[in-house]
Amino acid sequence: MNSEAQVLYRLLKLFPVKLVKEHFQINKSGEALYSDVLSGNIASVIYDFAYSNLDRTKQHIYIFDIDNRDGNILLEGFPFQIVNNRDVNGSKQLIISPLINYNTVLGSPFEQVVINFHQPIKLEITDKHLIFFVTIVEKNIKNYVDEGRKVYNVEKTNDEFEVMKAITDFWAAKRPRLCDLNKGLKKMWDDDIIDCKYAQWKKSKSTTTETMDENYTLKSQYLEVYEGIVTAPLKKTIFKYLPDDGNMPEHFTADPGIGQISIPLYPKSLNQNQNVVKKILSNN
């Protein structure tokens, strides 16, 4: 269930098929593609591919404010193995790839198993922020068990929240706390860079939601509602990127009050996910 080849197969499945084909120069589809990659490359080559292409994965992004004006990033005793460590434009970037465990109960026949997945994570540390770019891992475990077997129960351990807690506890001296993204997102909204398909916001004694039909967006259709929303704290909101320049994903979800962004699409270009974060923080 967790041979090296099986764990590497699950890692490869986190990336766009087109990218895997192009990188390994294999013009096959389906399981034949992954079989050829695994049989034709040693493990280190596959890991190198994964860690150098993290910006091409679907991602959950978590942003923390920190006090790092001294630029001193303690790494001795870091709670996870660091597979890449580099300085980029004044920030520190680390890549880790913890194993998460799916404790799974299977039927036909009954069996309790643990299925392991690598979850590559890029950390970016600046003077003001600690940012986790977390690869979204497969949710449907049925895709990774033999055909015909039933999945009765799945419990995930060592997930991204446990990883982030271990790291923020390790860097407690930097005072990590969730970054409120309301100001940056509202500035993008005001500038017509984004509009929303679904909005949730807090009133004094209630939480209100608005869901748009079909391809409509809220500000373009209900300006008076928009003007009321932008004075309130936003909660979970689905934004659509309006310019047709490919600079950001077509849509993304944000929960601004707790510093979370979710991008459930494969980026069409290398820096799309990073551009969302940069633009929000530049106006925040």
Protein backbone atom coordinates (compact mmCIF):
# COMPACT_ATOMS: atom_id res chain seq x y z
CA MET A 1 0.00 0.00 0.00
CA ASN A 2 2.95 2.33 0.68
CA SER A 3 5.80 1.05 -1.44
CA GLU A 4 8.16 3.68 -2.79
CA ALA A 5 6.56 3.38 -6.23
CA GLN A 6 3.05 3.80 -4.82
CA VAL A 7 3.96 6.90 -2.80
CA LEU A 8 5.75 8.42 -5.82
CA TYR A 9 2.72 7.64 -8.00
CA ARG A 10 0.49 9.60 -5.58
CA LEU A 11 2.98 12.46 -5.65
CA LEU A 12 2.96 12.62 -9.46
CA LYS A 13 -0.85 12.69 -9.47
CA LEU A 14 -0.75 16.07 -7.69
CA PHE A 15 0.52 17.73 -10.88
CA PRO A 16 -1.19 18.52 -14.21
CA VAL A 17 -1.00 15.62 -16.66
CA LYS A 18 0.23 17.97 -19.39
CA LEU A 19 3.13 19.07 -17.21
CA VAL A 20 4.11 15.48 -16.38
CA LYS A 21 4.02 14.54 -20.09
CA GLU A 22 6.11 17.53 -21.14
CA HIS A 23 8.69 17.23 -18.39
CA PHE A 24 9.33 13.50 -18.84
CA GLN A 25 8.75 13.60 -22.60
CA ILE A 26 6.24 10.76 -22.59
CA ASN A 27 3.30 10.90 -24.95
CA LYS A 28 1.00 8.44 -23.19
CA SER A 29 -2.17 8.85 -21.16
CA GLY A 30 -3.75 7.39 -18.06
CA GLU A 31 -1.93 4.78 -16.02
CA ALA A 32 0.52 4.08 -18.87
CA LEU A 33 1.96 7.59 -18.43
CA TYR A 34 2.68 7.12 -14.73
CA SER A 35 3.96 3.59 -15.24
CA ASP A 36 6.55 4.83 -17.75
CA VAL A 37 7.62 7.73 -15.51
CA LEU A 38 8.09 5.43 -12.53
CA SER A 39 9.90 2.70 -14.45
CA GLY A 40 12.16 5.11 -16.33
CA ASN A 41 13.30 7.41 -13.52
CA ILE A 42 14.89 6.98 -10.13
CA ALA A 43 13.11 8.41 -7.11
CA SER A 44 15.37 11.47 -6.78
CA VAL A 45 14.47 12.60 -10.32
CA ILE A 46 10.76 12.45 -9.54
CA TYR A 47 11.23 14.30 -6.26
CA ASP A 48 13.25 16.99 -8.07
CA PHE A 49 10.42 17.37 -10.59
CA ALA A 50 7.87 17.75 -7.80
CA TYR A 51 9.80 20.22 -5.69
CA SER A 52 10.73 22.43 -8.66
CA ASN A 53 7.12 22.62 -9.87
CA LEU A 54 5.17 23.30 -6.68
CA ASP A 55 3.86 26.55 -8.13
CA ARG A 56 1.93 24.47 -10.71
CA THR A 57 -0.24 22.64 -8.14
CA LYS A 58 -3.67 23.35 -6.73
CA GLN A 59 -3.07 25.10 -3.44
CA HIS A 60 -4.37 26.19 -0.08
CA ILE A 61 -2.55 29.34 1.00
CA TYR A 62 -2.31 30.49 4.62
CA ILE A 63 -0.86 33.89 5.50
CA PHE A 64 0.42 34.90 8.93
CA ASP A 65 1.72 38.24 10.16
CA ILE A 66 5.09 37.90 11.88
CA ASP A 67 7.69 40.15 13.48
CA ASN A 68 10.83 39.42 11.45
CA ARG A 69 12.48 42.79 11.03
CA ASP A 70 15.81 41.35 12.15
CA GLY A 71 15.64 38.75 9.33
CA ASN A 72 16.98 36.04 11.63
CA ILE A 73 15.27 32.77 10.68
CA LEU A 74 16.10 29.95 13.08
CA LEU A 75 16.36 26.60 11.27
CA GLU A 76 18.30 24.48 13.77
CA GLY A 77 15.88 21.94 15.18
CA PHE A 78 13.21 22.72 12.55
CA PRO A 79 10.39 20.16 12.97
CA PHE A 80 10.40 18.92 9.34
CA GLN A 81 13.05 17.92 6.84
CA ILE A 82 13.85 20.85 4.56
CA VAL A 83 14.29 19.64 0.97
CA ASN A 84 15.08 23.07 -0.49
CA ASN A 85 16.28 26.28 1.12
CA ARG A 86 16.93 29.46 -0.86
CA ASP A 87 16.81 33.25 -0.66
CA VAL A 88 14.65 34.94 -3.30
CA ASN A 89 14.28 38.72 -3.65
CA GLY A 90 14.76 39.41 0.03
CA SER A 91 12.62 36.52 1.28
CA LYS A 92 13.51 33.07 2.56
CA GLN A 93 11.85 30.14 0.78
CA LEU A 94 11.78 26.64 2.23
CA ILE A 95 10.25 23.50 0.76
CA ILE A 96 9.13 20.63 2.95
CA SER A 97 7.23 17.48 2.02
CA PRO A 98 5.69 15.87 5.10
CA LEU A 99 3.88 12.56 4.81
CA ILE A 100 0.21 12.73 5.67
CA ASN A 101 -1.58 9.56 6.69
CA TYR A 102 -5.05 8.43 5.71
CA ASN A 103 -6.13 5.83 8.24
CA THR A 104 -8.61 3.90 6.13
CA VAL A 105 -11.11 1.12 6.72
CA LEU A 106 -11.70 -1.00 3.59
CA GLY A 107 -14.22 -3.68 2.79
CA SER A 108 -14.28 -6.70 0.45
CA PRO A 109 -12.37 -7.93 2.43
CA PHE A 110 -12.37 -5.93 5.67
CA GLU A 111 -8.99 -4.33 6.28
CA GLN A 112 -7.55 -1.37 8.17
CA VAL A 113 -4.74 0.32 6.27
CA VAL A 114 -2.72 3.52 6.34
CA ILE A 115 -2.26 5.25 2.97
CA ASN A 116 0.57 7.79 2.82
CA PHE A 117 0.76 10.89 0.65
CA HIS A 118 3.51 13.44 0.32
CA GLN A 119 2.11 16.94 0.76
CA PRO A 120 4.69 19.37 -0.63
CA ILE A 121 4.60 22.79 1.00
CA LYS A 122 6.47 25.96 0.16
CA LEU A 123 7.09 28.40 3.00
CA GLU A 124 7.90 32.00 2.23
CA ILE A 125 9.23 34.18 5.04
CA THR A 126 9.55 37.95 4.65
CA ASP A 127 10.09 40.68 7.21
CA LYS A 128 6.31 40.85 7.83
CA HIS A 129 4.75 37.59 6.71
CA LEU A 130 4.97 33.82 6.94
CA ILE A 131 3.13 32.27 3.98
CA PHE A 132 2.32 28.58 3.49
CA PHE A 133 1.66 27.44 -0.08
CA VAL A 134 0.19 23.99 0.58
CA THR A 135 -0.41 21.50 -2.23
CA ILE A 136 -3.99 20.22 -2.20
CA VAL A 137 -3.95 16.46 -1.77
CA GLU A 138 -6.48 14.00 -3.20
CA LYS A 139 -9.63 13.80 -1.08
CA ASN A 140 -11.16 10.70 -2.68
CA ILE A 141 -9.19 7.77 -1.30
CA LYS A 142 -11.31 5.39 -3.40
CA ASN A 143 -9.12 6.45 -6.36
CA TYR A 144 -6.14 4.79 -4.67
CA VAL A 145 -7.53 1.40 -3.66
CA ASP A 146 -8.18 -1.65 -5.80
CA GLU A 147 -11.27 -1.51 -7.95
CA GLY A 148 -14.29 -3.06 -6.26
CA ARG A 149 -13.10 -2.39 -2.71
CA LYS A 150 -15.35 -0.28 -0.53
CA VAL A 151 -14.05 2.60 1.59
CA TYR A 152 -15.95 2.75 4.87
CA ASN A 153 -14.02 5.30 6.88
CA VAL A 154 -11.08 7.65 6.42
CA GLU A 155 -9.29 9.66 9.11
CA LYS A 156 -6.44 11.98 8.15
CA THR A 157 -3.50 12.61 10.47
CA ASN A 158 -0.40 14.79 10.14
CA ASP A 159 -2.39 17.14 7.92
CA GLU A 160 -1.55 20.71 6.91
CA PHE A 161 -3.01 22.21 10.08
CA GLU A 162 -0.82 20.03 12.29
CA VAL A 163 2.18 20.94 10.14
CA MET A 164 1.45 24.66 10.38
CA LYS A 165 0.94 24.48 14.13
CA ALA A 166 4.27 22.73 14.60
CA ILE A 167 6.03 25.41 12.54
CA THR A 168 4.30 28.43 14.07
CA ASP A 169 5.03 26.99 17.53
CA PHE A 170 8.69 26.54 16.51
CA TRP A 171 8.85 30.21 15.43
CA ALA A 172 6.74 31.47 18.33
CA ALA A 173 9.32 34.22 18.98
CA LYS A 174 8.24 35.78 15.65
CA ARG A 175 4.68 36.11 17.06
CA PRO A 176 2.86 34.48 14.10
CA ARG A 177 -0.83 35.44 13.96
CA LEU A 178 -3.43 35.12 11.23
CA CYS A 179 -3.25 37.95 8.69
CA ASP A 180 -6.51 39.82 7.99
CA LEU A 181 -6.74 40.14 4.20
CA ASN A 182 -9.90 42.28 4.08
CA LYS A 183 -8.16 45.52 3.17
CA GLY A 184 -6.11 44.07 0.31
CA LEU A 185 -9.00 42.15 -1.22
CA LYS A 186 -11.38 45.10 -0.97
CA LYS A 187 -8.85 47.33 -2.74
CA MET A 188 -8.64 44.79 -5.61
CA TRP A 189 -12.44 44.68 -5.68
CA ASP A 190 -12.68 48.48 -5.73
CA ASP A 191 -10.18 48.61 -8.60
CA ASP A 192 -12.26 46.11 -10.61
CA ILE A 193 -9.48 43.54 -10.63
CA ILE A 194 -11.84 41.03 -9.05
CA ASP A 195 -15.57 40.64 -8.52
CA CYS A 196 -17.37 37.86 -6.70
CA LYS A 197 -19.64 34.96 -7.51
CA TYR A 198 -20.45 34.18 -3.89
CA ALA A 199 -20.05 36.47 -0.91
CA GLN A 200 -20.42 35.95 2.80
CA TRP A 201 -20.07 38.87 5.20
CA LYS A 202 -20.64 39.67 8.85
CA LYS A 203 -23.32 42.00 10.07
CA SER A 204 -23.60 43.11 13.69
CA LYS A 205 -25.87 40.21 14.67
CA SER A 206 -25.85 37.87 11.67
CA THR A 207 -23.91 36.47 8.72
CA THR A 208 -25.29 37.19 5.25
CA THR A 209 -24.62 35.41 1.95
CA GLU A 210 -25.23 36.31 -1.68
CA THR A 211 -24.91 33.75 -4.50
CA MET A 212 -24.91 34.96 -8.09
CA ASP A 213 -26.56 33.05 -10.94
CA GLU A 214 -24.68 31.72 -13.96
CA ASN A 215 -21.87 34.02 -15.07
CA TYR A 216 -23.01 37.13 -13.21
CA THR A 217 -20.84 38.86 -10.62
CA LEU A 218 -22.04 40.81 -7.64
CA LYS A 219 -20.60 44.31 -8.03
CA SER A 220 -21.51 44.49 -11.73
CA GLN A 221 -25.14 43.62 -10.99
CA TYR A 222 -25.85 44.89 -7.46
CA LEU A 223 -23.73 47.97 -6.82
CA GLU A 224 -25.75 48.95 -3.77
CA VAL A 225 -25.18 45.53 -2.20
CA TYR A 226 -21.47 45.78 -2.96
CA GLU A 227 -21.27 49.20 -1.30
CA GLY A 228 -22.75 47.68 1.85
CA ILE A 229 -20.49 44.64 1.81
CA VAL A 230 -17.21 46.54 1.60
CA THR A 231 -17.88 48.24 4.93
CA ALA A 232 -18.25 44.86 6.66
CA PRO A 233 -15.77 42.06 7.44
CA LEU A 234 -15.76 39.51 4.63
CA LYS A 235 -16.00 35.84 5.37
CA LYS A 236 -15.73 33.01 2.82
CA THR A 237 -16.02 34.60 -0.63
CA ILE A 238 -15.46 33.27 -4.16
CA PHE A 239 -13.76 35.84 -6.38
CA LYS A 240 -13.51 35.97 -10.15
CA TYR A 241 -10.43 37.53 -11.72
CA LEU A 242 -11.69 40.05 -14.29
CA PRO A 243 -8.78 40.99 -16.62
CA ASP A 244 -8.17 38.60 -19.50
CA ASP A 245 -4.40 38.56 -19.13
CA GLY A 246 -3.74 35.23 -17.39
CA ASN A 247 -1.88 36.96 -14.57
CA MET A 248 -4.00 35.28 -11.88
CA PRO A 249 -6.25 32.21 -11.68
CA GLU A 250 -9.72 32.58 -13.16
CA HIS A 251 -11.22 32.31 -9.70
CA PHE A 252 -10.18 31.71 -6.11
CA THR A 253 -11.79 31.48 -2.69
CA ALA A 254 -10.74 33.62 0.25
CA ASP A 255 -11.64 33.68 3.92
CA PRO A 256 -10.01 37.05 4.62
CA GLY A 257 -10.44 37.27 8.38
CA ILE A 258 -8.33 34.16 8.93
CA GLY A 259 -5.76 34.73 6.18
CA GLN A 260 -6.80 31.83 3.96
CA ILE A 261 -6.93 31.53 0.16
CA SER A 262 -7.90 28.42 -1.78
CA ILE A 263 -7.05 27.96 -5.46
CA PRO A 264 -8.63 24.68 -6.66
CA LEU A 265 -7.38 25.08 -10.25
CA TYR A 266 -4.06 24.12 -11.78
CA PRO A 267 -2.26 27.40 -12.57
CA LYS A 268 -2.01 28.12 -16.28
CA SER A 269 1.30 29.91 -15.77
CA LEU A 270 4.08 29.61 -13.23
CA ASN A 271 3.35 32.60 -10.97
CA GLN A 272 -0.45 32.83 -10.94
CA ASN A 273 -0.90 31.73 -7.32
CA GLN A 274 2.02 33.86 -6.14
CA ASN A 275 0.56 36.88 -7.97
CA VAL A 276 -2.70 36.63 -6.02
CA VAL A 277 -0.81 36.79 -2.74
CA LYS A 278 1.48 39.60 -3.85
CA LYS A 279 -1.40 41.75 -5.05
CA ILE A 280 -3.43 41.27 -1.88
CA LEU A 281 -0.50 42.04 0.41
CA SER A 282 0.63 45.04 -1.64
CA ASN A 283 -2.71 46.68 -0.84
CA ASN A 284 -3.09 45.33 2.68
